Amino acid sequence: MTGTLLAALAATGALLLGAGFALGRLAARRERRDGLDLGTPVERATFHTLHTASLAAPPLRAGLTEDTARKAARRLRPLLGTDALALTDRTGVLAWDGTGGHHAEQVMEHVAEVLASGRGQSVRAGCADPGCPLRWAVIAPLTGEEGVVGALVAYGSHESAVLVRAATEVARWVSVQLELAELDLSRTRLIEAEIRALRAQISPHFVYNSLAAIASFVRTDPERARELLLEFADFTRYSFRRHGEFAQLADELRSIEQYLALAGARFGDRLQVTLQVAPEVLPVTLPFLCLQPLVENAVKHGLEDSRTTCRITIAARDAGAEAVVTIEDDGVGMDPAVLRAILAGERPQSSGIGLSNVDERLRQVYGDDYGLVVETGVDAGMKVTVRVPKYRAGVHRDAP
C-alpha cells in the first residue's frame, strides 16, 4: 500500500509539472481580464489540476468499465489539453472524448502492440480527412495487479515530446486509481469470504439440536414450539442474509436473543442470561455477525464443556466516542497460551468458534487498536470486550 501511495503522489506531481505552465498562462489571462487576485499562476494551476484530478478519481476507483471510463475521460482530456482522448481495456474502446470520433474504429489497431509489450509509443493517426486535427496519437499503457489492463490514447495535431510525457504520467496516475480499485475489490471479497466462514461455523449440531428441541415441544407445548420455530426462522434468515457488511447493534442483539432462546430450549435452567444494554448505543454500526460467534463461544465453553449451570452476561454501554460490548461467562475458561494461538491463527477454528475471525475483521475495519480484548484462565470463565467507534467515516448501515 505504501508503494501505491507513493506512486500516486509521484503521478500527481508529474501532472502538475505537465499541466502547470499551460494552465498558469490561461489563469493569468483570466486574472488580467477580470481584475481578480487568485494567487500566482503556479498556485492557480496547482489548484485547478488537483481539483480536476479529484473529479476523475472517484469513477476510476470503481474499476475500468464503459461508464467509469466515460466519466473519467471527460475530466482527463482537459488536463492534457488534447483534441481527443480514448480509454480502452484489452478488448475494445471504453470511452472517447473530443473531436474525430471516426478514429475510434482504429484505436485497437494502434494499441495492440502497447497491450502486448506494456511500453508506450507515439504513432501517426493515419487520418485521410484533411480537415481532421488528429494527426498523432500518444499511447500509454494502463496497468493493474495482473499487468496491462488497457491503454490511454491522447490525440494531437502534431508530434510532441511534452504530450508524450504528460500522457505517460496521466496514464500512471490512472493506473494507481485502478490498482486501488482492485485493492478495494479484494478487501470486499475477503470480508465476504470471512462472513461465509462465520456462517459455516453456525454448527450443524446447533441446527440439529434446535430442531430437536422444537420437536420435543410439539406435543407437550405446541405454542412454545411455534414460537421457537419462528425464532429459528428469523435467526437463520438474518445470519444468511446476502447484503451488507455492517449492521446496527440493535439488529445484532436481536439475533443473539433468538440464538439464546433456541439454546435455552435445549439447556433449560442450566443457561442463565443477563442483558444490560444502554439504549443510546442501539443505533451504533458495527461489522455484521461479529457478536453472535462470541456468544456461541460463551455457550460452548460455559455449558457444552461443563455440567454445571452457566451464567452469561451481555452488556453494551456508551463510552463517549465508542460503544463497548462485553460478553462474559463463568464456564471452564481457557489457557491464555491456547487463546493466543487461536487469535494468531495457529489453532483450528473449532477450538475457538469465530474468535480469530472476529478479531481480524475488527482490526481490518477499525485498526489494530480495536481488536478483541479477552480475559480468561483455566476454570476462570471468559470475558470478551468489543470496542466500536460510534462515528467513523465510510461506515454506514446497509439494509438487510
Protein backbone atom coordinates (compact mmCIF):
# COMPACT_ATOMS: atom_id res chain seq x y z
CA MET A 1 0.00 0.00 0.00
CA THR A 2 2.87 2.41 0.76
CA GLY A 3 4.32 1.91 -2.70
CA THR A 4 0.96 2.58 -4.27
CA LEU A 5 0.50 5.79 -2.33
CA LEU A 6 3.99 6.96 -3.27
CA ALA A 7 3.23 6.23 -6.89
CA ALA A 8 0.04 8.24 -6.61
CA LEU A 9 1.92 11.20 -5.18
CA ALA A 10 4.59 10.97 -7.86
CA ALA A 11 1.98 10.79 -10.61
CA THR A 12 0.12 13.77 -9.19
CA GLY A 13 3.34 15.76 -9.04
CA ALA A 14 4.08 14.93 -12.67
CA LEU A 15 0.60 16.04 -13.64
CA LEU A 16 1.25 19.37 -12.03
CA LEU A 17 4.51 19.79 -13.91
CA GLY A 18 2.94 18.83 -17.21
CA ALA A 19 -0.15 20.97 -16.91
CA GLY A 20 1.09 23.82 -14.74
CA PHE A 21 2.59 26.02 -17.44
CA ALA A 22 -0.38 25.91 -19.81
CA LEU A 23 -2.93 26.35 -17.03
CA GLY A 24 -0.87 29.12 -15.48
CA ARG A 25 -0.89 31.14 -18.70
CA LEU A 26 -4.64 30.63 -19.06
CA ALA A 27 -5.26 31.67 -15.45
CA ALA A 28 -3.07 34.75 -15.85
CA ARG A 29 -5.09 35.90 -18.87
CA ARG A 30 -8.33 35.43 -16.94
CA GLU A 31 -6.97 37.35 -13.96
CA ARG A 32 -5.97 40.30 -16.15
CA ARG A 33 -9.36 40.23 -17.82
CA ASP A 34 -11.41 40.03 -14.62
CA GLY A 35 -9.16 42.04 -12.32
CA LEU A 36 -9.15 39.28 -9.68
CA ASP A 37 -6.30 38.24 -7.37
CA LEU A 38 -6.47 34.44 -7.20
CA GLY A 39 -2.81 33.76 -6.41
CA THR A 40 0.17 33.21 -8.63
CA PRO A 41 -0.22 31.38 -11.95
CA VAL A 42 1.54 28.32 -10.50
CA GLU A 43 -0.77 28.28 -7.46
CA ARG A 44 -3.85 28.57 -9.63
CA ALA A 45 -2.58 25.84 -11.95
CA THR A 46 -1.90 23.60 -8.95
CA PHE A 47 -5.39 24.07 -7.51
CA HIS A 48 -7.04 23.56 -10.87
CA THR A 49 -5.04 20.42 -11.62
CA LEU A 50 -5.71 18.86 -8.23
CA HIS A 51 -9.39 19.70 -8.50
CA THR A 52 -9.67 18.14 -11.95
CA ALA A 53 -7.77 15.03 -10.83
CA SER A 54 -10.02 14.71 -7.78
CA LEU A 55 -13.08 14.71 -10.05
CA ALA A 56 -11.62 11.96 -12.25
CA ALA A 57 -10.57 9.72 -9.37
CA PRO A 58 -13.96 8.53 -7.98
CA PRO A 59 -15.14 6.89 -11.23
CA LEU A 60 -11.81 5.10 -11.66
CA ARG A 61 -11.93 3.80 -8.10
CA ALA A 62 -14.91 1.72 -9.23
CA GLY A 63 -12.79 -0.09 -11.83
CA LEU A 64 -12.37 0.17 -15.58
CA THR A 65 -15.78 -0.04 -17.29
CA GLU A 66 -17.53 1.86 -20.05
CA ASP A 67 -19.35 4.05 -17.56
CA THR A 68 -16.33 4.86 -15.37
CA ALA A 69 -14.07 5.38 -18.42
CA ARG A 70 -16.56 7.81 -19.97
CA LYS A 71 -16.77 9.88 -16.78
CA ALA A 72 -13.01 9.86 -16.27
CA ALA A 73 -12.14 10.74 -19.89
CA ARG A 74 -14.29 13.85 -19.68
CA ARG A 75 -12.09 15.06 -16.79
CA LEU A 76 -8.71 13.81 -18.03
CA ARG A 77 -8.74 15.38 -21.50
CA PRO A 78 -8.65 18.98 -20.16
CA LEU A 79 -5.59 18.04 -18.07
CA LEU A 80 -3.70 17.08 -21.22
CA GLY A 81 -5.16 19.84 -23.39
CA THR A 82 -5.59 17.41 -26.31
CA ASP A 83 -8.18 17.41 -29.08
CA ALA A 84 -9.32 13.91 -28.20
CA LEU A 85 -8.69 11.16 -25.66
CA ALA A 86 -9.63 7.48 -25.60
CA LEU A 87 -9.57 4.88 -22.84
CA THR A 88 -9.55 1.18 -23.68
CA ASP A 89 -9.40 -2.19 -21.98
CA ARG A 90 -7.78 -5.19 -23.61
CA THR A 91 -10.72 -5.90 -25.91
CA GLY A 92 -12.16 -2.58 -27.07
CA VAL A 93 -12.64 1.18 -26.71
CA LEU A 94 -14.44 2.06 -23.50
CA ALA A 95 -14.67 5.83 -23.94
CA TRP A 96 -13.91 8.56 -26.48
CA ASP A 97 -13.90 12.22 -25.56
CA GLY A 98 -13.30 15.08 -28.03
CA THR A 99 -13.38 15.52 -31.78
CA GLY A 100 -12.62 13.00 -34.51
CA GLY A 101 -14.82 10.19 -33.29
CA HIS A 102 -14.24 8.34 -36.56
CA HIS A 103 -10.77 7.41 -35.24
CA ALA A 104 -12.38 5.20 -32.59
CA GLU A 105 -12.61 2.35 -35.08
CA GLN A 106 -8.80 2.32 -35.49
CA VAL A 107 -7.84 2.68 -31.85
CA MET A 108 -7.46 -1.03 -31.08
CA GLU A 109 -5.17 -1.48 -34.09
CA HIS A 110 -2.87 1.22 -32.72
CA VAL A 111 -2.86 -0.05 -29.12
CA ALA A 112 -2.32 -3.76 -29.88
CA GLU A 113 1.47 -3.52 -29.61
CA VAL A 114 1.29 -1.47 -26.40
CA LEU A 115 -1.07 -4.01 -24.81
CA ALA A 116 1.37 -6.78 -25.71
CA SER A 117 4.61 -5.10 -24.69
CA GLY A 118 3.50 -2.76 -21.92
CA ARG A 119 5.60 0.05 -23.42
CA GLY A 120 4.08 3.33 -24.59
CA GLN A 121 4.61 4.71 -28.05
CA SER A 122 3.74 7.60 -30.38
CA VAL A 123 2.20 6.82 -33.79
CA ARG A 124 0.65 8.62 -36.73
CA ALA A 125 -3.11 8.74 -36.53
CA GLY A 126 -3.42 7.87 -40.22
CA CYS A 127 -6.46 10.03 -40.99
CA ALA A 128 -7.42 10.67 -44.63
CA ASP A 129 -9.70 13.60 -43.75
CA PRO A 130 -7.74 16.84 -44.43
CA GLY A 131 -9.99 18.75 -42.04
CA CYS A 132 -9.39 16.42 -39.10
CA PRO A 133 -6.99 17.86 -36.49
CA LEU A 134 -5.97 14.46 -35.17
CA ARG A 135 -2.59 13.59 -36.74
CA TRP A 136 -0.60 11.98 -33.92
CA ALA A 137 -1.55 9.62 -31.11
CA VAL A 138 0.35 9.01 -27.90
CA ILE A 139 -0.47 5.59 -26.44
CA ALA A 140 0.35 4.82 -22.79
CA PRO A 141 -0.42 1.52 -21.04
CA LEU A 142 -2.79 1.25 -18.09
CA THR A 143 -1.65 -1.34 -15.59
CA GLY A 144 -3.15 -3.27 -12.69
CA GLU A 145 -2.04 -6.01 -10.34
CA GLU A 146 -2.07 -8.56 -13.19
CA GLY A 147 -0.26 -6.45 -15.79
CA VAL A 148 -1.54 -4.29 -18.64
CA VAL A 149 -5.32 -3.89 -18.44
CA GLY A 150 -5.86 -1.22 -21.11
CA ALA A 151 -4.48 1.93 -22.69
CA LEU A 152 -4.82 5.70 -22.64
CA VAL A 153 -4.63 7.29 -26.12
CA ALA A 154 -4.13 11.06 -26.40
CA TYR A 155 -4.54 12.66 -29.84
CA GLY A 156 -2.88 15.86 -31.07
CA SER A 157 -2.23 17.81 -34.25
CA HIS A 158 1.50 17.11 -34.27
CA GLU A 159 4.18 15.01 -32.59
CA SER A 160 5.07 16.49 -29.20
CA ALA A 161 7.53 15.34 -26.54
CA VAL A 162 5.56 17.31 -23.95
CA LEU A 163 2.37 15.40 -24.82
CA VAL A 164 4.24 12.09 -24.62
CA ARG A 165 5.49 12.89 -21.11
CA ALA A 166 2.13 14.25 -19.93
CA ALA A 167 0.13 11.31 -21.33
CA THR A 168 2.54 8.85 -19.72
CA GLU A 169 2.21 10.47 -16.31
CA VAL A 170 -1.57 10.70 -16.57
CA ALA A 171 -1.68 7.00 -17.51
CA ARG A 172 0.42 6.20 -14.42
CA TRP A 173 -1.99 8.16 -12.25
CA VAL A 174 -4.96 6.33 -13.79
CA SER A 175 -3.17 3.02 -13.18
CA VAL A 176 -2.78 3.90 -9.50
CA GLN A 177 -6.52 4.51 -9.22
CA LEU A 178 -7.24 1.18 -10.92
CA GLU A 179 -4.89 -0.62 -8.54
CA LEU A 180 -6.66 0.99 -5.59
CA ALA A 181 -9.97 -0.18 -7.07
CA GLU A 182 -8.57 -3.72 -7.23
CA LEU A 183 -7.49 -3.45 -3.59
CA ASP A 184 -10.99 -2.31 -2.61
CA LEU A 185 -12.47 -5.25 -4.52
CA SER A 186 -10.03 -7.65 -2.87
CA ARG A 187 -10.95 -6.30 0.53
CA THR A 188 -14.67 -6.70 -0.22
CA ARG A 189 -14.13 -10.28 -1.37
CA LEU A 190 -12.08 -11.01 1.75
CA ILE A 191 -14.81 -9.68 4.02
CA GLU A 192 -17.44 -11.70 2.14
CA ALA A 193 -15.29 -14.81 2.49
CA GLU A 194 -14.91 -14.19 6.22
CA ILE A 195 -18.67 -13.76 6.61
CA ARG A 196 -19.20 -17.02 4.72
CA ALA A 197 -16.70 -18.64 7.08
CA LEU A 198 -18.63 -17.36 10.08
CA ARG A 199 -21.88 -18.64 8.61
CA ALA A 200 -20.27 -22.01 8.05
CA GLN A 201 -19.39 -22.07 11.74
CA ILE A 202 -23.06 -21.97 12.69
CA SER A 203 -22.71 -25.54 13.82
CA PRO A 204 -24.83 -28.19 12.10
CA HIS A 205 -25.16 -29.66 15.59
CA PHE A 206 -26.76 -26.40 16.73
CA VAL A 207 -29.26 -26.59 13.86
CA TYR A 208 -29.99 -30.23 14.60
CA ASN A 209 -30.28 -29.65 18.37
CA SER A 210 -32.52 -26.62 17.86
CA LEU A 211 -34.91 -28.55 15.61
CA ALA A 212 -34.85 -31.48 18.04
CA ALA A 213 -35.70 -29.16 20.95
CA ILE A 214 -38.54 -27.62 18.94
CA ALA A 215 -39.84 -31.09 18.07
CA SER A 216 -39.86 -32.06 21.74
CA PHE A 217 -42.41 -29.32 22.46
CA VAL A 218 -44.73 -30.09 19.54
CA ARG A 219 -46.99 -32.33 21.62
CA THR A 220 -46.38 -31.09 25.15
CA ASP A 221 -46.39 -27.33 24.44
CA PRO A 222 -47.44 -26.54 20.83
CA GLU A 223 -47.48 -22.79 21.41
CA ARG A 224 -43.87 -22.75 22.59
CA ALA A 225 -42.87 -24.99 19.69
CA ARG A 226 -44.45 -22.45 17.31
CA GLU A 227 -42.61 -19.53 18.96
CA LEU A 228 -39.27 -21.35 18.83
CA LEU A 229 -39.81 -22.24 15.19
CA LEU A 230 -40.37 -18.56 14.37
CA GLU A 231 -37.24 -17.63 16.34
CA PHE A 232 -35.28 -20.26 14.39
CA ALA A 233 -36.59 -18.93 11.06
CA ASP A 234 -35.71 -15.31 11.94
CA PHE A 235 -32.27 -16.28 13.24
CA THR A 236 -31.31 -18.19 10.11
CA ARG A 237 -32.77 -15.50 7.82
CA TYR A 238 -30.65 -12.82 9.49
CA SER A 239 -27.49 -14.94 9.64
CA PHE A 240 -27.68 -15.85 5.95
CA ARG A 241 -28.73 -12.51 4.53
CA ARG A 242 -26.93 -11.70 1.29
CA HIS A 243 -26.24 -7.96 1.51
CA GLY A 244 -24.47 -5.64 3.89
CA GLU A 245 -21.07 -5.71 5.56
CA PHE A 246 -22.40 -3.76 8.55
CA ALA A 247 -25.42 -3.85 10.84
CA GLN A 248 -26.82 -1.92 13.73
CA LEU A 249 -26.10 -3.12 17.24
CA ALA A 250 -29.86 -3.46 17.80
CA ASP A 251 -30.10 -5.98 14.93
CA GLU A 252 -27.10 -7.95 16.18
CA LEU A 253 -28.54 -8.12 19.70
CA ARG A 254 -31.91 -9.26 18.36
CA SER A 255 -30.20 -12.11 16.52
CA ILE A 256 -28.34 -13.02 19.71
CA GLU A 257 -31.62 -13.12 21.66
CA GLN A 258 -33.01 -15.54 19.08
CA TYR A 259 -29.93 -17.72 19.33
CA LEU A 260 -30.14 -17.78 23.13
CA ALA A 261 -33.86 -18.60 23.02
CA LEU A 262 -33.06 -21.68 20.93
CA ALA A 263 -30.13 -22.61 23.19
CA GLY A 264 -32.37 -22.15 26.23
CA ALA A 265 -34.90 -24.58 24.80
CA ARG A 266 -32.16 -27.20 24.80
CA PHE A 267 -30.36 -26.46 28.06
CA GLY A 268 -33.31 -25.22 30.12
CA ASP A 269 -32.47 -23.72 33.51
CA ARG A 270 -28.78 -24.53 33.09
CA LEU A 271 -28.44 -21.45 30.89
CA GLN A 272 -28.95 -18.13 32.68
CA VAL A 273 -28.56 -14.95 30.63
CA THR A 274 -28.43 -11.31 31.72
CA LEU A 275 -28.68 -8.46 29.21
CA GLN A 276 -27.59 -4.94 30.14
CA VAL A 277 -27.91 -2.61 27.15
CA ALA A 278 -27.80 1.20 27.13
CA PRO A 279 -30.48 2.43 24.68
CA GLU A 280 -28.21 5.13 23.26
CA VAL A 281 -25.84 2.57 21.69
CA LEU A 282 -28.52 0.57 19.86
CA PRO A 283 -28.12 2.56 16.57
CA VAL A 284 -24.31 2.12 16.56
CA THR A 285 -22.99 0.46 13.39
CA LEU A 286 -20.60 -2.49 13.61
CA PRO A 287 -19.43 -5.32 11.32
CA PHE A 288 -22.20 -7.79 10.51
CA LEU A 289 -22.26 -11.03 12.51
CA CYS A 290 -19.37 -10.13 14.80
CA LEU A 291 -21.13 -10.66 18.16
CA GLN A 292 -23.08 -13.90 17.64
CA PRO A 293 -19.92 -16.05 17.30
CA LEU A 294 -18.70 -14.66 20.63
CA VAL A 295 -21.98 -15.58 22.34
CA GLU A 296 -21.86 -19.03 20.72
CA ASN A 297 -18.34 -19.40 22.09
CA ALA A 298 -19.58 -18.47 25.57
CA VAL A 299 -22.37 -21.07 25.39
CA LYS A 300 -19.98 -23.73 24.13
CA HIS A 301 -17.36 -23.21 26.84
CA GLY A 302 -19.91 -22.39 29.51
CA LEU A 303 -22.31 -25.30 29.03
CA GLU A 304 -21.25 -27.87 26.47
CA ASP A 305 -17.84 -28.22 28.16
CA SER A 306 -19.28 -28.14 31.66
CA ARG A 307 -22.05 -29.97 33.54
CA THR A 308 -22.92 -27.08 35.83
CA THR A 309 -25.15 -24.06 35.39
CA CYS A 310 -23.66 -21.30 33.28
CA ARG A 311 -24.30 -17.60 33.63
CA ILE A 312 -23.73 -15.37 30.59
CA THR A 313 -23.80 -11.60 30.85
CA ILE A 314 -24.05 -9.44 27.74
CA ALA A 315 -23.59 -5.72 28.29
CA ALA A 316 -23.46 -2.79 25.89
CA ARG A 317 -22.61 0.65 27.22
CA ASP A 318 -21.86 4.14 25.97
CA ALA A 319 -18.22 5.19 26.36
CA GLY A 320 -18.15 8.64 24.79
CA ALA A 321 -16.95 8.29 21.21
CA GLU A 322 -17.16 4.49 21.47
CA ALA A 323 -19.66 1.75 22.23
CA VAL A 324 -18.31 -1.07 24.41
CA VAL A 325 -19.84 -4.55 24.31
CA THR A 326 -18.79 -7.26 26.77
CA ILE A 327 -19.74 -10.94 26.70
CA GLU A 328 -18.86 -12.78 29.91
CA ASP A 329 -19.41 -16.36 31.06
CA ASP A 330 -18.44 -18.30 34.18
CA GLY A 331 -17.63 -21.52 32.33
CA VAL A 332 -14.48 -23.58 32.03
CA GLY A 333 -12.40 -20.75 30.59
CA MET A 334 -9.23 -21.32 28.56
CA ASP A 335 -5.48 -21.43 28.91
CA PRO A 336 -4.20 -17.97 27.86
CA ALA A 337 -1.48 -19.62 25.76
CA VAL A 338 -4.12 -21.54 23.83
CA LEU A 339 -6.12 -18.34 23.38
CA ARG A 340 -3.09 -16.53 21.94
CA ALA A 341 -2.58 -19.38 19.47
CA ILE A 342 -6.22 -19.17 18.38
CA LEU A 343 -6.10 -15.41 17.83
CA ALA A 344 -2.83 -15.81 15.91
CA GLY A 345 -4.49 -18.37 13.62
CA GLU A 346 -2.21 -21.18 14.86
CA ARG A 347 -5.06 -23.35 16.17
CA PRO A 348 -8.08 -24.60 14.20
CA GLN A 349 -11.27 -22.56 14.40
CA SER A 350 -13.10 -25.44 16.09
CA SER A 351 -11.11 -24.75 19.24
CA GLY A 352 -12.33 -21.18 19.38
CA ILE A 353 -15.50 -20.55 17.43
CA GLY A 354 -15.12 -17.34 15.45
CA LEU A 355 -12.68 -15.66 17.83
CA SER A 356 -9.80 -15.15 15.39
CA ASN A 357 -12.21 -14.33 12.56
CA VAL A 358 -13.99 -11.63 14.54
CA ASP A 359 -10.71 -10.24 15.87
CA GLU A 360 -9.28 -9.95 12.36
CA ARG A 361 -12.41 -8.29 10.94
CA LEU A 362 -12.48 -5.69 13.70
CA ARG A 363 -8.81 -4.85 13.10
CA GLN A 364 -9.34 -4.57 9.34
CA VAL A 365 -12.27 -2.17 9.73
CA TYR A 366 -11.15 -0.03 12.67
CA GLY A 367 -7.39 -0.63 13.07
CA ASP A 368 -5.27 -2.71 15.42
CA ASP A 369 -6.38 -0.70 18.45
CA TYR A 370 -9.86 -2.23 18.13
CA GLY A 371 -9.09 -5.95 18.25
CA LEU A 372 -10.76 -8.23 20.77
CA VAL A 373 -9.73 -7.95 24.41
CA VAL A 374 -10.12 -11.36 26.09
CA GLU A 375 -9.71 -12.09 29.80
CA THR A 376 -9.66 -15.78 30.71
CA GLY A 377 -7.96 -18.56 32.58
CA VAL A 378 -8.48 -22.26 33.23
CA ASP A 379 -11.70 -22.71 35.25
CA ALA A 380 -12.00 -18.91 35.45
CA GLY A 381 -14.59 -18.22 32.76
CA MET A 382 -14.06 -15.80 29.91
CA LYS A 383 -14.78 -12.14 29.26
CA VAL A 384 -14.60 -10.75 25.72
CA THR A 385 -14.68 -6.99 25.14
CA VAL A 386 -15.50 -5.36 21.79
CA ARG A 387 -14.95 -1.63 21.29
CA VAL A 388 -16.54 0.10 18.31
CA PRO A 389 -16.19 3.78 17.29
CA LYS A 390 -19.63 5.34 17.23
CA TYR A 391 -18.77 7.69 14.40
CA ARG A 392 -16.45 6.62 11.62
CA ALA A 393 -16.26 7.98 8.06
CA GLY A 394 -17.19 5.49 5.36
CA VAL A 395 -19.06 3.11 7.67
CA HIS A 396 -22.76 3.09 7.00
CA ARG A 397 -25.57 0.78 7.87
CA ASP A 398 -26.59 -1.46 4.97
CA ALA A 399 -30.17 -2.58 4.70
CA PRO A 400 -30.63 -6.36 5.01
